[in-house]
Amino acid sequence: MIDQEQVHKVANLARLELTPEEEEQFTTQLGSILDYIQQLDELDVSNVPPTTRAIDVSNITREDELQPYPEREKILNSAPEQEGDFFKVPKILNAE
């Protein structure tokens, strides 16, 4: 189902350097995984409702509360760089 050339191509796209032995090993392993997925694909799930979890759960979250930090100078002094009353960060957008 999957050959060593495909494994090599995917490894290249993922920027992985695999030895020929690793490519062979992954070819075998990925082939086994894909065979198993193909077996699952043969199951009739037309009457199974789509779900995201096996059990119903919900997140317990708290409301965000804005609270000023009393030691502003301490935070600024711990920054790698600052400019006046602000953090100085590298430019990430082009000036153009």
N, C-alpha and C. Protein backbone atom coordinates (compact mmCIF):
# COMPACT_ATOMS: atom_id res chain seq x y z
N MET A 1 0.82 -1.19 0.00
CA MET A 1 0.00 0.00 0.00
C MET A 1 0.87 1.26 0.00
N ILE A 2 1.94 1.27 0.74
CA ILE A 2 2.86 2.41 0.77
C ILE A 2 4.26 1.88 0.47
N ASP A 3 5.00 2.61 -0.31
CA ASP A 3 6.34 2.13 -0.64
C ASP A 3 7.40 3.07 -0.06
N GLN A 4 8.64 2.64 -0.17
CA GLN A 4 9.75 3.38 0.42
C GLN A 4 9.92 4.75 -0.22
N GLU A 5 9.59 4.87 -1.49
CA GLU A 5 9.68 6.17 -2.17
C GLU A 5 8.71 7.18 -1.56
N GLN A 6 7.49 6.72 -1.22
CA GLN A 6 6.52 7.62 -0.59
C GLN A 6 6.98 8.03 0.81
N VAL A 7 7.55 7.11 1.55
CA VAL A 7 8.08 7.42 2.88
C VAL A 7 9.21 8.45 2.76
N HIS A 8 10.07 8.26 1.77
CA HIS A 8 11.16 9.21 1.54
C HIS A 8 10.62 10.60 1.21
N LYS A 9 9.59 10.65 0.37
CA LYS A 9 8.99 11.93 -0.02
C LYS A 9 8.38 12.64 1.19
N VAL A 10 7.63 11.91 2.02
CA VAL A 10 7.01 12.50 3.20
C VAL A 10 8.08 12.95 4.19
N ALA A 11 9.11 12.16 4.36
CA ALA A 11 10.21 12.55 5.27
C ALA A 11 10.87 13.82 4.77
N ASN A 12 11.05 13.93 3.47
CA ASN A 12 11.64 15.14 2.88
C ASN A 12 10.75 16.35 3.14
N LEU A 13 9.44 16.19 2.94
CA LEU A 13 8.51 17.29 3.18
C LEU A 13 8.50 17.72 4.65
N ALA A 14 8.69 16.74 5.54
CA ALA A 14 8.72 17.02 6.98
C ALA A 14 10.10 17.43 7.46
N ARG A 15 11.02 17.55 6.53
CA ARG A 15 12.41 17.93 6.84
C ARG A 15 13.07 16.94 7.81
N LEU A 16 12.80 15.64 7.57
CA LEU A 16 13.41 14.59 8.39
C LEU A 16 14.50 13.91 7.57
N GLU A 17 15.63 13.68 8.21
CA GLU A 17 16.70 12.95 7.55
C GLU A 17 16.66 11.51 8.05
N LEU A 18 16.20 10.61 7.20
CA LEU A 18 16.10 9.21 7.56
C LEU A 18 17.16 8.41 6.82
N THR A 19 17.71 7.43 7.51
CA THR A 19 18.63 6.51 6.87
C THR A 19 17.80 5.53 6.03
N PRO A 20 18.42 4.87 5.08
CA PRO A 20 17.67 3.87 4.30
C PRO A 20 17.03 2.78 5.19
N GLU A 21 17.72 2.43 6.27
CA GLU A 21 17.17 1.43 7.19
C GLU A 21 15.90 1.97 7.88
N GLU A 22 15.95 3.25 8.28
CA GLU A 22 14.77 3.85 8.91
C GLU A 22 13.62 3.97 7.91
N GLU A 23 13.92 4.32 6.68
CA GLU A 23 12.88 4.40 5.65
C GLU A 23 12.21 3.03 5.46
N GLU A 24 13.01 1.99 5.45
CA GLU A 24 12.46 0.64 5.30
C GLU A 24 11.59 0.28 6.50
N GLN A 25 12.08 0.60 7.70
CA GLN A 25 11.33 0.32 8.93
C GLN A 25 10.00 1.08 8.94
N PHE A 26 10.04 2.36 8.59
CA PHE A 26 8.81 3.16 8.58
C PHE A 26 7.86 2.70 7.48
N THR A 27 8.38 2.24 6.37
CA THR A 27 7.54 1.73 5.30
C THR A 27 6.72 0.55 5.81
N THR A 28 7.37 -0.36 6.51
CA THR A 28 6.68 -1.53 7.07
C THR A 28 5.66 -1.10 8.11
N GLN A 29 6.07 -0.21 9.03
CA GLN A 29 5.18 0.22 10.11
C GLN A 29 3.98 1.00 9.57
N LEU A 30 4.22 1.93 8.67
CA LEU A 30 3.12 2.71 8.11
C LEU A 30 2.19 1.83 7.28
N GLY A 31 2.75 0.86 6.60
CA GLY A 31 1.92 -0.08 5.84
C GLY A 31 0.98 -0.84 6.77
N SER A 32 1.48 -1.27 7.92
CA SER A 32 0.64 -1.98 8.89
C SER A 32 -0.46 -1.08 9.43
N ILE A 33 -0.12 0.17 9.70
CA ILE A 33 -1.11 1.12 10.20
C ILE A 33 -2.19 1.36 9.16
N LEU A 34 -1.79 1.56 7.91
CA LEU A 34 -2.76 1.81 6.85
C LEU A 34 -3.64 0.58 6.59
N ASP A 35 -3.08 -0.62 6.72
CA ASP A 35 -3.88 -1.84 6.58
C ASP A 35 -4.95 -1.90 7.67
N TYR A 36 -4.57 -1.53 8.88
CA TYR A 36 -5.53 -1.55 9.99
C TYR A 36 -6.63 -0.51 9.77
N ILE A 37 -6.26 0.67 9.30
CA ILE A 37 -7.25 1.72 9.01
C ILE A 37 -8.20 1.23 7.92
N GLN A 38 -7.69 0.51 6.95
CA GLN A 38 -8.54 -0.01 5.89
C GLN A 38 -9.55 -1.01 6.46
N GLN A 39 -9.14 -1.81 7.45
CA GLN A 39 -10.08 -2.73 8.11
C GLN A 39 -11.18 -1.94 8.81
N LEU A 40 -10.80 -0.85 9.50
CA LEU A 40 -11.80 -0.04 10.18
C LEU A 40 -12.75 0.62 9.19
N ASP A 41 -12.24 0.93 8.02
CA ASP A 41 -13.04 1.58 6.99
C ASP A 41 -14.17 0.67 6.49
N GLU A 42 -14.02 -0.64 6.69
CA GLU A 42 -15.03 -1.59 6.24
C GLU A 42 -16.22 -1.69 7.19
N LEU A 43 -16.12 -1.10 8.37
CA LEU A 43 -17.20 -1.15 9.35
C LEU A 43 -18.36 -0.26 8.92
N ASP A 44 -19.58 -0.72 9.21
CA ASP A 44 -20.77 0.08 8.92
C ASP A 44 -21.04 0.99 10.11
N VAL A 45 -20.83 2.26 9.94
CA VAL A 45 -21.05 3.23 11.02
C VAL A 45 -22.17 4.21 10.66
N SER A 46 -23.03 3.80 9.73
CA SER A 46 -24.08 4.71 9.27
C SER A 46 -25.07 5.05 10.38
N ASN A 47 -25.25 4.18 11.38
CA ASN A 47 -26.18 4.44 12.48
C ASN A 47 -25.49 4.97 13.73
N VAL A 48 -24.22 5.30 13.63
CA VAL A 48 -23.47 5.81 14.78
C VAL A 48 -23.43 7.32 14.68
N PRO A 49 -23.97 8.01 15.70
CA PRO A 49 -23.96 9.47 15.64
C PRO A 49 -22.53 10.02 15.79
N PRO A 50 -22.21 11.08 15.08
CA PRO A 50 -20.87 11.66 15.21
C PRO A 50 -20.67 12.25 16.59
N THR A 51 -19.51 12.01 17.15
CA THR A 51 -19.18 12.54 18.48
C THR A 51 -17.75 13.04 18.48
N THR A 52 -17.44 13.86 19.46
CA THR A 52 -16.06 14.31 19.64
C THR A 52 -15.42 13.61 20.83
N ARG A 53 -16.26 13.10 21.74
CA ARG A 53 -15.75 12.41 22.94
C ARG A 53 -16.63 11.20 23.24
N ALA A 54 -16.07 10.24 23.92
CA ALA A 54 -16.85 9.08 24.32
C ALA A 54 -17.78 9.41 25.48
N ILE A 55 -17.36 10.36 26.32
CA ILE A 55 -18.21 10.78 27.45
C ILE A 55 -18.42 12.28 27.37
N ASP A 56 -19.51 12.75 27.92
CA ASP A 56 -19.83 14.17 27.87
C ASP A 56 -19.06 14.90 28.97
N VAL A 57 -18.22 15.84 28.59
CA VAL A 57 -17.47 16.63 29.55
C VAL A 57 -17.55 18.09 29.16
N SER A 58 -17.33 18.95 30.12
CA SER A 58 -17.28 20.37 29.82
C SER A 58 -16.14 21.00 30.61
N ASN A 59 -15.59 22.05 30.07
CA ASN A 59 -14.49 22.73 30.75
C ASN A 59 -15.02 23.55 31.91
N ILE A 60 -14.28 23.53 32.98
CA ILE A 60 -14.59 24.38 34.12
C ILE A 60 -13.62 25.54 34.06
N THR A 61 -14.13 26.70 33.75
CA THR A 61 -13.27 27.86 33.60
C THR A 61 -13.74 28.97 34.52
N ARG A 62 -12.87 29.86 34.78
CA ARG A 62 -13.22 31.03 35.59
C ARG A 62 -13.26 32.25 34.69
N GLU A 63 -13.93 33.26 35.14
CA GLU A 63 -13.97 34.51 34.41
C GLU A 63 -12.61 35.19 34.48
N ASP A 64 -12.18 35.78 33.40
CA ASP A 64 -10.95 36.56 33.41
C ASP A 64 -11.21 37.86 34.16
N GLU A 65 -10.33 38.15 35.08
CA GLU A 65 -10.45 39.39 35.84
C GLU A 65 -9.17 40.19 35.66
N LEU A 66 -9.31 41.38 35.14
CA LEU A 66 -8.17 42.25 34.93
C LEU A 66 -7.71 42.79 36.28
N GLN A 67 -6.45 42.54 36.60
CA GLN A 67 -5.88 43.03 37.85
C GLN A 67 -4.52 43.64 37.55
N PRO A 68 -4.33 44.87 37.92
CA PRO A 68 -3.02 45.49 37.67
C PRO A 68 -1.95 44.83 38.55
N TYR A 69 -0.77 44.70 37.97
CA TYR A 69 0.36 44.15 38.73
C TYR A 69 1.04 45.30 39.45
N PRO A 70 1.17 45.23 40.76
CA PRO A 70 1.68 46.39 41.51
C PRO A 70 3.16 46.70 41.28
N GLU A 71 3.93 45.75 40.81
CA GLU A 71 5.37 45.97 40.66
C GLU A 71 5.74 46.10 39.18
N ARG A 72 5.22 47.13 38.53
CA ARG A 72 5.43 47.35 37.10
C ARG A 72 6.92 47.48 36.74
N GLU A 73 7.67 48.19 37.54
CA GLU A 73 9.11 48.38 37.29
C GLU A 73 9.86 47.04 37.34
N LYS A 74 9.43 46.16 38.23
CA LYS A 74 10.09 44.85 38.34
C LYS A 74 9.91 44.05 37.05
N ILE A 75 8.72 44.13 36.47
CA ILE A 75 8.47 43.42 35.21
C ILE A 75 9.32 44.03 34.10
N LEU A 76 9.32 45.35 33.98
CA LEU A 76 10.09 46.02 32.93
C LEU A 76 11.58 45.73 33.06
N ASN A 77 12.09 45.73 34.28
CA ASN A 77 13.51 45.49 34.50
C ASN A 77 13.91 44.05 34.19
N SER A 78 12.96 43.11 34.21
CA SER A 78 13.30 41.72 33.92
C SER A 78 13.24 41.42 32.42
N ALA A 79 12.77 42.37 31.62
CA ALA A 79 12.69 42.17 30.17
C ALA A 79 14.08 42.22 29.56
N PRO A 80 14.33 41.46 28.48
CA PRO A 80 15.63 41.50 27.82
C PRO A 80 15.97 42.90 27.32
N GLU A 81 14.96 43.61 26.78
CA GLU A 81 15.17 44.98 26.31
C GLU A 81 13.92 45.79 26.62
N GLN A 82 14.12 47.05 26.90
CA GLN A 82 12.98 47.94 27.09
C GLN A 82 13.31 49.29 26.48
N GLU A 83 12.25 49.99 26.15
CA GLU A 83 12.39 51.33 25.58
C GLU A 83 11.41 52.22 26.32
N GLY A 84 11.92 53.01 27.22
CA GLY A 84 11.05 53.84 28.05
C GLY A 84 10.20 52.97 28.95
N ASP A 85 8.90 53.15 28.90
CA ASP A 85 7.98 52.37 29.73
C ASP A 85 7.43 51.14 29.02
N PHE A 86 8.10 50.71 27.93
CA PHE A 86 7.57 49.62 27.12
C PHE A 86 8.61 48.52 26.93
N PHE A 87 8.13 47.31 26.64
CA PHE A 87 9.01 46.22 26.24
C PHE A 87 9.45 46.48 24.81
N LYS A 88 10.70 46.20 24.52
CA LYS A 88 11.20 46.32 23.16
C LYS A 88 11.30 44.91 22.58
N VAL A 89 10.62 44.70 21.45
CA VAL A 89 10.60 43.37 20.84
C VAL A 89 11.09 43.50 19.40
N PRO A 90 11.55 42.39 18.82
CA PRO A 90 12.01 42.43 17.43
C PRO A 90 10.85 42.77 16.48
N LYS A 91 11.17 43.51 15.43
CA LYS A 91 10.19 43.84 14.40
C LYS A 91 9.83 42.57 13.64
N ILE A 92 8.53 42.34 13.46
CA ILE A 92 8.11 41.13 12.75
C ILE A 92 7.39 41.45 11.44
N LEU A 93 7.10 42.70 11.19
CA LEU A 93 6.44 43.09 9.96
C LEU A 93 7.39 43.92 9.11
N ASN A 94 7.25 43.81 7.81
CA ASN A 94 8.06 44.62 6.91
C ASN A 94 7.65 46.09 7.01
N ALA A 95 8.61 46.97 6.84
CA ALA A 95 8.33 48.39 6.89
C ALA A 95 7.64 48.87 5.61
N GLU A 96 7.63 48.03 4.59
CA GLU A 96 7.05 48.40 3.29
C GLU A 96 5.56 48.48 3.32
